[in-house]
PDB file of N, CA and C in Angstrom:
ATOM      1  N   MET A   1      28.955  15.140  48.029  1.00  0.00           N
ATOM      2  CA  MET A   1      30.256  14.950  47.772  1.00  0.00           C
ATOM      3  C   MET A   1      30.739  13.553  48.295  1.00  0.00           C
ATOM      4  N   GLN A   2      30.220  13.198  49.381  1.00  0.00           N
ATOM      5  CA  GLN A   2      30.571  11.907  50.063  1.00  0.00           C
ATOM      6  C   GLN A   2      29.451  10.893  49.876  1.00  0.00           C
ATOM      7  N   GLN A   3      29.842   9.708  49.519  1.00  0.00           N
ATOM      8  CA  GLN A   3      28.929   8.648  49.344  1.00  0.00           C
ATOM      9  C   GLN A   3      28.643   7.976  50.617  1.00  0.00           C
ATOM     10  N   THR A   4      29.570   7.684  51.415  1.00  0.00           N
ATOM     11  CA  THR A   4      29.555   6.954  52.675  1.00  0.00           C
ATOM     12  C   THR A   4      30.341   7.681  53.690  1.00  0.00           C
ATOM     13  N   GLU A   5      29.731   7.811  54.907  1.00  0.00           N
ATOM     14  CA  GLU A   5      30.565   8.545  56.097  1.00  0.00           C
ATOM     15  C   GLU A   5      30.394   7.782  57.339  1.00  0.00           C
ATOM     16  N   MET A   6      31.519   7.653  58.107  1.00  0.00           N
ATOM     17  CA  MET A   6      31.421   7.048  59.478  1.00  0.00           C
ATOM     18  C   MET A   6      32.144   8.002  60.341  1.00  0.00           C
ATOM     19  N   LYS A   7      31.631   8.190  61.525  1.00  0.00           N
ATOM     20  CA  LYS A   7      32.403   8.918  62.588  1.00  0.00           C
ATOM     21  C   LYS A   7      32.672   7.966  63.828  1.00  0.00           C
ATOM     22  N   SER A   8      33.865   8.244  64.280  1.00  0.00           N
ATOM     23  CA  SER A   8      34.256   7.443  65.411  1.00  0.00           C
ATOM     24  C   SER A   8      33.448   7.937  66.652  1.00  0.00           C
ATOM     25  N   PRO A   9      32.784   6.881  67.351  1.00  0.00           N
ATOM     26  CA  PRO A   9      32.028   7.198  68.472  1.00  0.00           C
ATOM     27  C   PRO A   9      32.746   7.905  69.549  1.00  0.00           C
ATOM     28  N   GLY A  10      32.285   9.040  70.105  1.00  0.00           N
ATOM     29  CA  GLY A  10      32.953   9.813  71.163  1.00  0.00           C
ATOM     30  C   GLY A  10      34.087  10.636  70.566  1.00  0.00           C
ATOM     31  N   ARG A  11      34.422  10.524  69.361  1.00  0.00           N
ATOM     32  CA  ARG A  11      35.500  11.235  68.771  1.00  0.00           C
ATOM     33  C   ARG A  11      35.118  11.892  67.501  1.00  0.00           C
ATOM     34  N   ASP A  12      34.162  12.880  67.518  1.00  0.00           N
ATOM     35  CA  ASP A  12      33.540  13.538  66.303  1.00  0.00           C
ATOM     36  C   ASP A  12      34.675  14.023  65.397  1.00  0.00           C
ATOM     37  N   ALA A  13      35.790  14.205  65.856  1.00  0.00           N
ATOM     38  CA  ALA A  13      36.833  14.809  65.072  1.00  0.00           C
ATOM     39  C   ALA A  13      37.518  13.952  64.019  1.00  0.00           C
ATOM     40  N   ILE A  14      37.271  12.602  64.074  1.00  0.00           N
ATOM     41  CA  ILE A  14      37.699  11.656  63.175  1.00  0.00           C
ATOM     42  C   ILE A  14      36.653  10.974  62.366  1.00  0.00           C
ATOM     43  N   GLU A  15      36.728  11.119  61.051  1.00  0.00           N
ATOM     44  CA  GLU A  15      35.709  10.590  60.246  1.00  0.00           C
ATOM     45  C   GLU A  15      36.383   9.741  58.993  1.00  0.00           C
ATOM     46  N   ALA A  16      35.658   8.696  58.689  1.00  0.00           N
ATOM     47  CA  ALA A  16      36.058   7.972  57.516  1.00  0.00           C
ATOM     48  C   ALA A  16      34.902   7.934  56.405  1.00  0.00           C
ATOM     49  N   TYR A  17      35.236   8.215  55.095  1.00  0.00           N
ATOM     50  CA  TYR A  17      34.225   8.267  54.125  1.00  0.00           C
ATOM     51  C   TYR A  17      34.758   7.736  52.727  1.00  0.00           C
ATOM     52  N   LEU A  18      33.914   7.430  51.871  1.00  0.00           N
ATOM     53  CA  LEU A  18      34.270   6.974  50.587  1.00  0.00           C
ATOM     54  C   LEU A  18      33.923   8.189  49.734  1.00  0.00           C
ATOM     55  N   SER A  19      35.013   8.630  49.022  1.00  0.00           N
ATOM     56  CA  SER A  19      34.717   9.817  48.024  1.00  0.00           C
ATOM     57  C   SER A  19      34.068   9.414  46.700  1.00  0.00           C
ATOM     58  N   GLU A  20      33.647  10.352  46.134  1.00  0.00           N
ATOM     59  CA  GLU A  20      32.893  10.012  44.840  1.00  0.00           C
ATOM     60  C   GLU A  20      33.870   9.422  43.839  1.00  0.00           C
ATOM     61  N   ASP A  21      35.163   9.669  43.829  1.00  0.00           N
ATOM     62  CA  ASP A  21      36.093   9.075  42.894  1.00  0.00           C
ATOM     63  C   ASP A  21      36.605   7.748  43.448  1.00  0.00           C
ATOM     64  N   GLY A  22      36.092   7.279  44.555  1.00  0.00           N
ATOM     65  CA  GLY A  22      36.408   5.849  44.984  1.00  0.00           C
ATOM     66  C   GLY A  22      37.641   5.677  45.954  1.00  0.00           C
ATOM     67  N   HIS A  23      38.082   6.949  46.380  1.00  0.00           N
ATOM     68  CA  HIS A  23      39.090   6.867  47.492  1.00  0.00           C
ATOM     69  C   HIS A  23      38.422   6.698  48.743  1.00  0.00           C
ATOM     70  N   ILE A  24      39.214   5.897  49.706  1.00  0.00           N
ATOM     71  CA  ILE A  24      38.848   5.876  51.140  1.00  0.00           C
ATOM     72  C   ILE A  24      39.571   6.961  51.775  1.00  0.00           C
ATOM     73  N   CYS A  25      38.763   7.854  52.496  1.00  0.00           N
ATOM     74  CA  CYS A  25      39.322   8.966  53.171  1.00  0.00           C
ATOM     75  C   CYS A  25      39.208   9.035  54.633  1.00  0.00           C
ATOM     76  N   LEU A  26      40.151   9.499  55.324  1.00  0.00           N
ATOM     77  CA  LEU A  26      40.018   9.718  56.759  1.00  0.00           C
ATOM     78  C   LEU A  26      40.303  11.297  56.924  1.00  0.00           C
ATOM     79  N   ARG A  27      39.336  11.797  57.717  1.00  0.00           N
ATOM     80  CA  ARG A  27      39.395  13.255  57.940  1.00  0.00           C
ATOM     81  C   ARG A  27      39.428  13.455  59.406  1.00  0.00           C
ATOM     82  N   GLN A  28      40.361  14.391  59.879  1.00  0.00           N
ATOM     83  CA  GLN A  28      40.399  14.779  61.286  1.00  0.00           C
ATOM     84  C   GLN A  28      40.392  16.292  61.308  1.00  0.00           C
ATOM     85  N   THR A  29      39.461  16.760  62.200  1.00  0.00           N
ATOM     86  CA  THR A  29      39.379  18.228  62.452  1.00  0.00           C
ATOM     87  C   THR A  29      39.817  18.504  63.874  1.00  0.00           C
ATOM     88  N   SER A  30      40.646  19.436  64.063  1.00  0.00           N
ATOM     89  CA  SER A  30      41.272  19.768  65.410  1.00  0.00           C
ATOM     90  C   SER A  30      40.260  20.823  66.031  1.00  0.00           C
ATOM     91  N   GLU A  31      40.542  21.098  67.258  1.00  0.00           N
ATOM     92  CA  GLU A  31      39.667  22.038  68.042  1.00  0.00           C
ATOM     93  C   GLU A  31      39.739  23.429  67.337  1.00  0.00           C
ATOM     94  N   MET A  32      40.888  23.732  66.632  1.00  0.00           N
ATOM     95  CA  MET A  32      41.004  25.029  65.951  1.00  0.00           C
ATOM     96  C   MET A  32      40.464  25.030  64.512  1.00  0.00           C
ATOM     97  N   ASP A  33      39.673  23.928  64.270  1.00  0.00           N
ATOM     98  CA  ASP A  33      39.196  23.787  62.877  1.00  0.00           C
ATOM     99  C   ASP A  33      40.174  23.669  61.817  1.00  0.00           C
ATOM    100  N   HIS A  34      41.249  23.064  62.139  1.00  0.00           N
ATOM    101  CA  HIS A  34      42.264  22.623  61.118  1.00  0.00           C
ATOM    102  C   HIS A  34      41.901  21.415  60.703  1.00  0.00           C
ATOM    103  N   GLU A  35      41.760  21.152  59.449  1.00  0.00           N
ATOM    104  CA  GLU A  35      41.337  19.767  58.779  1.00  0.00           C
ATOM    105  C   GLU A  35      42.464  19.162  58.127  1.00  0.00           C
ATOM    106  N   SER A  36      42.694  17.846  58.379  1.00  0.00           N
ATOM    107  CA  SER A  36      43.767  17.007  57.715  1.00  0.00           C
ATOM    108  C   SER A  36      42.910  15.843  57.005  1.00  0.00           C
ATOM    109  N   ILE A  37      43.261  15.552  55.749  1.00  0.00           N
ATOM    110  CA  ILE A  37      42.593  14.403  55.018  1.00  0.00           C
ATOM    111  C   ILE A  37      43.622  13.517  54.586  1.00  0.00           C
ATOM    112  N   ILE A  38      43.457  12.276  54.722  1.00  0.00           N
ATOM    113  CA  ILE A  38      44.338  11.125  54.046  1.00  0.00           C
ATOM    114  C   ILE A  38      43.463  10.473  53.052  1.00  0.00           C
ATOM    115  N   MET A  39      43.920  10.432  51.858  1.00  0.00           N
ATOM    116  CA  MET A  39      43.137   9.744  50.787  1.00  0.00           C
ATOM    117  C   MET A  39      43.812   8.453  50.436  1.00  0.00           C
ATOM    118  N   LEU A  40      43.168   7.284  50.376  1.00  0.00           N
ATOM    119  CA  LEU A  40      43.788   6.026  50.065  1.00  0.00           C
ATOM    120  C   LEU A  40      43.034   5.293  49.065  1.00  0.00           C
ATOM    121  N   LEU A  41      43.817   4.532  48.117  1.00  0.00           N
ATOM    122  CA  LEU A  41      43.203   3.700  47.154  1.00  0.00           C
ATOM    123  C   LEU A  41      42.696   2.438  47.809  1.00  0.00           C
ATOM    124  N   PRO A  42      41.628   1.903  47.517  1.00  0.00           N
ATOM    125  CA  PRO A  42      41.183   0.681  48.122  1.00  0.00           C
ATOM    126  C   PRO A  42      42.127  -0.477  48.284  1.00  0.00           C
ATOM    127  N   HIS A  43      42.883  -0.509  47.224  1.00  0.00           N
ATOM    128  CA  HIS A  43      43.947  -1.784  47.240  1.00  0.00           C
ATOM    129  C   HIS A  43      45.068  -1.500  48.254  1.00  0.00           C
ATOM    130  N   ASP A  44      45.201  -0.264  48.777  1.00  0.00           N
ATOM    131  CA  ASP A  44      46.305   0.052  49.735  1.00  0.00           C
ATOM    132  C   ASP A  44      45.753  -0.195  51.123  1.00  0.00           C
ATOM    133  N   ILE A  45      44.448  -0.358  51.334  1.00  0.00           N
ATOM    134  CA  ILE A  45      43.911  -0.518  52.686  1.00  0.00           C
ATOM    135  C   ILE A  45      44.509  -1.749  53.548  1.00  0.00           C
ATOM    136  N   PRO A  46      44.670  -2.910  52.958  1.00  0.00           N
ATOM    137  CA  PRO A  46      45.245  -4.042  53.810  1.00  0.00           C
ATOM    138  C   PRO A  46      46.647  -3.674  54.302  1.00  0.00           C
ATOM    139  N   GLN A  47      47.513  -3.121  53.440  1.00  0.00           N
ATOM    140  CA  GLN A  47      48.904  -2.816  54.019  1.00  0.00           C
ATOM    141  C   GLN A  47      48.790  -1.712  54.981  1.00  0.00           C
ATOM    142  N   VAL A  48      48.064  -0.691  54.905  1.00  0.00           N
ATOM    143  CA  VAL A  48      47.913   0.412  55.876  1.00  0.00           C
ATOM    144  C   VAL A  48      47.347  -0.129  57.168  1.00  0.00           C
ATOM    145  N   VAL A  49      46.256  -1.035  57.074  1.00  0.00           N
ATOM    146  CA  VAL A  49      45.784  -1.709  58.315  1.00  0.00           C
ATOM    147  C   VAL A  49      46.841  -2.511  59.009  1.00  0.00           C
ATOM    148  N   GLU A  50      47.621  -3.258  58.269  1.00  0.00           N
ATOM    149  CA  GLU A  50      48.695  -3.964  58.919  1.00  0.00           C
ATOM    150  C   GLU A  50      49.727  -3.233  59.609  1.00  0.00           C
ATOM    151  N   TRP A  51      50.073  -2.022  59.021  1.00  0.00           N
ATOM    152  CA  TRP A  51      51.053  -1.047  59.607  1.00  0.00           C
ATOM    153  C   TRP A  51      50.440  -0.604  60.892  1.00  0.00           C
ATOM    154  N   LEU A  52      49.174  -0.167  60.777  1.00  0.00           N
ATOM    155  CA  LEU A  52      48.538   0.358  62.073  1.00  0.00           C
ATOM    156  C   LEU A  52      48.376  -0.649  63.219  1.00  0.00           C
ATOM    157  N   GLN A  53      48.066  -1.880  62.715  1.00  0.00           N
ATOM    158  CA  GLN A  53      47.931  -2.892  63.818  1.00  0.00           C
ATOM    159  C   GLN A  53      49.249  -3.156  64.458  1.00  0.00           C
ATOM    160  N   GLY A  54      50.337  -3.189  63.573  1.00  0.00           N
ATOM    161  CA  GLY A  54      51.651  -3.323  64.124  1.00  0.00           C
ATOM    162  C   GLY A  54      52.178  -2.281  65.119  1.00  0.00           C
ATOM    163  N   LEU A  55      51.750  -1.030  64.745  1.00  0.00           N
ATOM    164  CA  LEU A  55      52.034   0.142  65.653  1.00  0.00           C
ATOM    165  C   LEU A  55      51.240   0.085  66.897  1.00  0.00           C
ATOM    166  N   ALA A  56      49.983  -0.242  66.818  1.00  0.00           N
ATOM    167  CA  ALA A  56      49.198  -0.392  68.008  1.00  0.00           C
ATOM    168  C   ALA A  56      49.609  -1.478  68.949  1.00  0.00           C
ATOM    169  N   GLY A  57      50.236  -2.601  68.401  1.00  0.00           N
ATOM    170  CA  GLY A  57      50.703  -3.691  69.225  1.00  0.00           C
ATOM    171  C   GLY A  57      51.962  -3.237  69.916  1.00  0.00           C
ATOM    172  N   LYS A  58      52.653  -2.201  69.509  1.00  0.00           N
ATOM    173  CA  LYS A  58      53.925  -1.651  70.117  1.00  0.00           C
ATOM    174  C   LYS A  58      53.552  -0.613  71.332  1.00  0.00           C
ATOM    175  N   VAL A  59      52.421  -0.246  71.418  1.00  0.00           N
ATOM    176  CA  VAL A  59      52.047   0.797  72.463  1.00  0.00           C
ATOM    177  C   VAL A  59      52.025  -0.064  73.816  1.00  0.00           C
ATOM    178  N   PRO A  60      52.876   0.480  74.764  1.00  0.00           N
ATOM    179  CA  PRO A  60      52.762  -0.262  76.064  1.00  0.00           C
ATOM    180  C   PRO A  60      51.394  -0.149  76.712  1.00  0.00           C
ATOM    181  N   ALA A  61      51.067  -1.065  77.557  1.00  0.00           N
ATOM    182  CA  ALA A  61      49.758  -1.053  78.211  1.00  0.00           C
ATOM    183  C   ALA A  61      49.405   0.221  78.914  1.00  0.00           C
ATOM    184  N   ALA A  62      50.486   0.893  79.634  1.00  0.00           N
ATOM    185  CA  ALA A  62      50.280   2.085  80.354  1.00  0.00           C
ATOM    186  C   ALA A  62      49.790   3.212  79.420  1.00  0.00           C
ATOM    187  N   GLY A  63      50.487   3.176  78.210  1.00  0.00           N
ATOM    188  CA  GLY A  63      50.207   4.163  77.165  1.00  0.00           C
ATOM    189  C   GLY A  63      48.816   4.001  76.652  1.00  0.00           C
ATOM    190  N   LYS A  64      48.368   2.729  76.483  1.00  0.00           N
ATOM    191  CA  LYS A  64      46.988   2.496  76.011  1.00  0.00           C
ATOM    192  C   LYS A  64      45.885   3.056  77.003  1.00  0.00           C
ATOM    193  N   GLU A  65      46.262   2.940  78.154  1.00  0.00           N
ATOM    194  CA  GLU A  65      45.168   3.338  79.286  1.00  0.00           C
ATOM    195  C   GLU A  65      45.128   4.926  79.310  1.00  0.00           C
ATOM    196  N   ARG A  66      46.284   5.588  79.027  1.00  0.00           N
ATOM    197  CA  ARG A  66      46.303   7.129  78.966  1.00  0.00           C
ATOM    198  C   ARG A  66      45.627   7.652  77.710  1.00  0.00           C
ATOM    199  N   MET A  67      45.621   6.791  76.715  1.00  0.00           N
ATOM    200  CA  MET A  67      45.053   7.121  75.409  1.00  0.00           C
ATOM    201  C   MET A  67      43.522   6.923  75.273  1.00  0.00           C
ATOM    202  N   GLU A  68      42.975   6.312  76.325  1.00  0.00           N
ATOM    203  CA  GLU A  68      41.425   6.082  76.230  1.00  0.00           C
ATOM    204  C   GLU A  68      40.751   7.276  76.104  1.00  0.00           C
ATOM    205  N   GLY A  69      41.276   8.490  76.704  1.00  0.00           N
ATOM    206  CA  GLY A  69      40.518   9.780  76.489  1.00  0.00           C
ATOM    207  C   GLY A  69      41.013  10.327  75.099  1.00  0.00           C
ATOM    208  N   ALA A  70      40.449  11.629  74.959  1.00  0.00           N
ATOM    209  CA  ALA A  70      40.853  12.297  73.640  1.00  0.00           C
ATOM    210  C   ALA A  70      42.329  12.643  73.677  1.00  0.00           C
ATOM    211  N   ILE A  71      43.092  12.536  72.618  1.00  0.00           N
ATOM    212  CA  ILE A  71      44.440  12.924  72.489  1.00  0.00           C
ATOM    213  C   ILE A  71      44.511  14.132  71.523  1.00  0.00           C
ATOM    214  N   LYS A  72      45.329  15.011  72.069  1.00  0.00           N
ATOM    215  CA  LYS A  72      45.429  16.273  71.156  1.00  0.00           C
ATOM    216  C   LYS A  72      46.738  16.104  70.393  1.00  0.00           C
ATOM    217  N   ALA A  73      46.671  16.308  69.031  1.00  0.00           N
ATOM    218  CA  ALA A  73      47.762  16.129  68.205  1.00  0.00           C
ATOM    219  C   ALA A  73      49.083  16.974  68.602  1.00  0.00           C
ATOM    220  N   GLU A  74      48.805  18.217  69.164  1.00  0.00           N
ATOM    221  CA  GLU A  74      49.826  19.128  69.577  1.00  0.00           C
ATOM    222  C   GLU A  74      50.612  18.552  70.670  1.00  0.00           C
ATOM    223  N   HIS A  75      50.210  17.605  71.382  1.00  0.00           N
ATOM    224  CA  HIS A  75      50.845  16.978  72.540  1.00  0.00           C
ATOM    225  C   HIS A  75      51.516  15.580  72.235  1.00  0.00           C
ATOM    226  N   CYS A  76      51.271  15.250  70.942  1.00  0.00           N
ATOM    227  CA  CYS A  76      51.868  13.884  70.446  1.00  0.00           C
ATOM    228  C   CYS A  76      53.116  14.154  69.569  1.00  0.00           C
ATOM    229  N   ALA A  77      54.284  13.993  70.168  1.00  0.00           N
ATOM    230  CA  ALA A  77      55.592  14.269  69.338  1.00  0.00           C
ATOM    231  C   ALA A  77      55.495  13.389  68.157  1.00  0.00           C
ATOM    232  N   ALA A  78      55.032  12.153  68.201  1.00  0.00           N
ATOM    233  CA  ALA A  78      55.085  11.248  67.070  1.00  0.00           C
ATOM    234  C   ALA A  78      54.173  11.695  65.985  1.00  0.00           C
ATOM    235  N   CYS A  79      53.075  12.459  66.293  1.00  0.00           N
ATOM    236  CA  CYS A  79      52.273  12.938  65.352  1.00  0.00           C
ATOM    237  C   CYS A  79      52.839  14.324  64.703  1.00  0.00           C
ATOM    238  N   LEU A  80      53.605  15.134  65.493  1.00  0.00           N
ATOM    239  CA  LEU A  80      54.249  16.201  64.952  1.00  0.00           C
ATOM    240  C   LEU A  80      55.525  15.901  64.131  1.00  0.00           C
ATOM    241  N   ASN A  81      56.100  14.729  64.359  1.00  0.00           N
ATOM    242  CA  ASN A  81      57.332  14.386  63.752  1.00  0.00           C
ATOM    243  C   ASN A  81      57.177  12.903  63.147  1.00  0.00           C
ATOM    244  N   PRO A  82      56.324  12.619  62.105  1.00  0.00           N
ATOM    245  CA  PRO A  82      56.017  11.357  61.694  1.00  0.00           C
ATOM    246  C   PRO A  82      57.313  10.874  60.984  1.00  0.00           C
ATOM    247  N   PRO A  83      57.441   9.503  60.879  1.00  0.00           N
ATOM    248  CA  PRO A  83      58.651   9.041  60.154  1.00  0.00           C
ATOM    249  C   PRO A  83      58.663   9.312  58.707  1.00  0.00           C
ATOM    250  N   VAL A  84      59.746   9.391  58.192  1.00  0.00           N
ATOM    251  CA  VAL A  84      59.831   9.658  56.702  1.00  0.00           C
ATOM    252  C   VAL A  84      59.320   8.645  55.809  1.00  0.00           C
ATOM    253  N   SER A  85      59.616   7.359  56.120  1.00  0.00           N
ATOM    254  CA  SER A  85      58.997   6.298  55.325  1.00  0.00           C
ATOM    255  C   SER A  85      58.209   5.380  56.283  1.00  0.00           C
ATOM    256  N   PRO A  86      57.229   4.653  55.699  1.00  0.00           N
ATOM    257  CA  PRO A  86      56.435   3.790  56.540  1.00  0.00           C
ATOM    258  C   PRO A  86      57.177   2.596  56.990  1.00  0.00           C
ATOM    259  N   PRO A  87      56.612   1.990  58.140  1.00  0.00           N
ATOM    260  CA  PRO A  87      57.359   0.782  58.748  1.00  0.00           C
ATOM    261  C   PRO A  87      57.311  -0.384  57.744  1.00  0.00           C
ATOM    262  N   THR A  88      58.364  -1.161  57.883  1.00  0.00           N
ATOM    263  CA  THR A  88      58.398  -2.342  56.996  1.00  0.00           C
ATOM    264  C   THR A  88      58.173  -3.546  57.868  1.00  0.00           C
TER     265      THR A  88
END
C-alpha cells in the first residue's frame, strides 16, 4: 500500500509516507490505537511547511522545553480545538 515510509525517531506514533496514488500522508496513532491520517497533494507541501514553521516560531522557549518529551493530544487544547481556517 505504501511506497515510502518514515517514522519520527523516538515517536513511533508519527509516520510520514507516500501513498500509491501520490499523496504525501502523515499518520498518527494514539496510545488507544486511534489513527488519524492527513493526506496532502505534493504541490500543497510548501504552504503547509510555511504554516508549521510559522506556528513553531510562535511557541515560547519554555513551551518548547516542555514539549521535548512525548505530548498526548488529549492534553493539548489546541489539538482538540483546531482553528477553523489555516493561518494566513
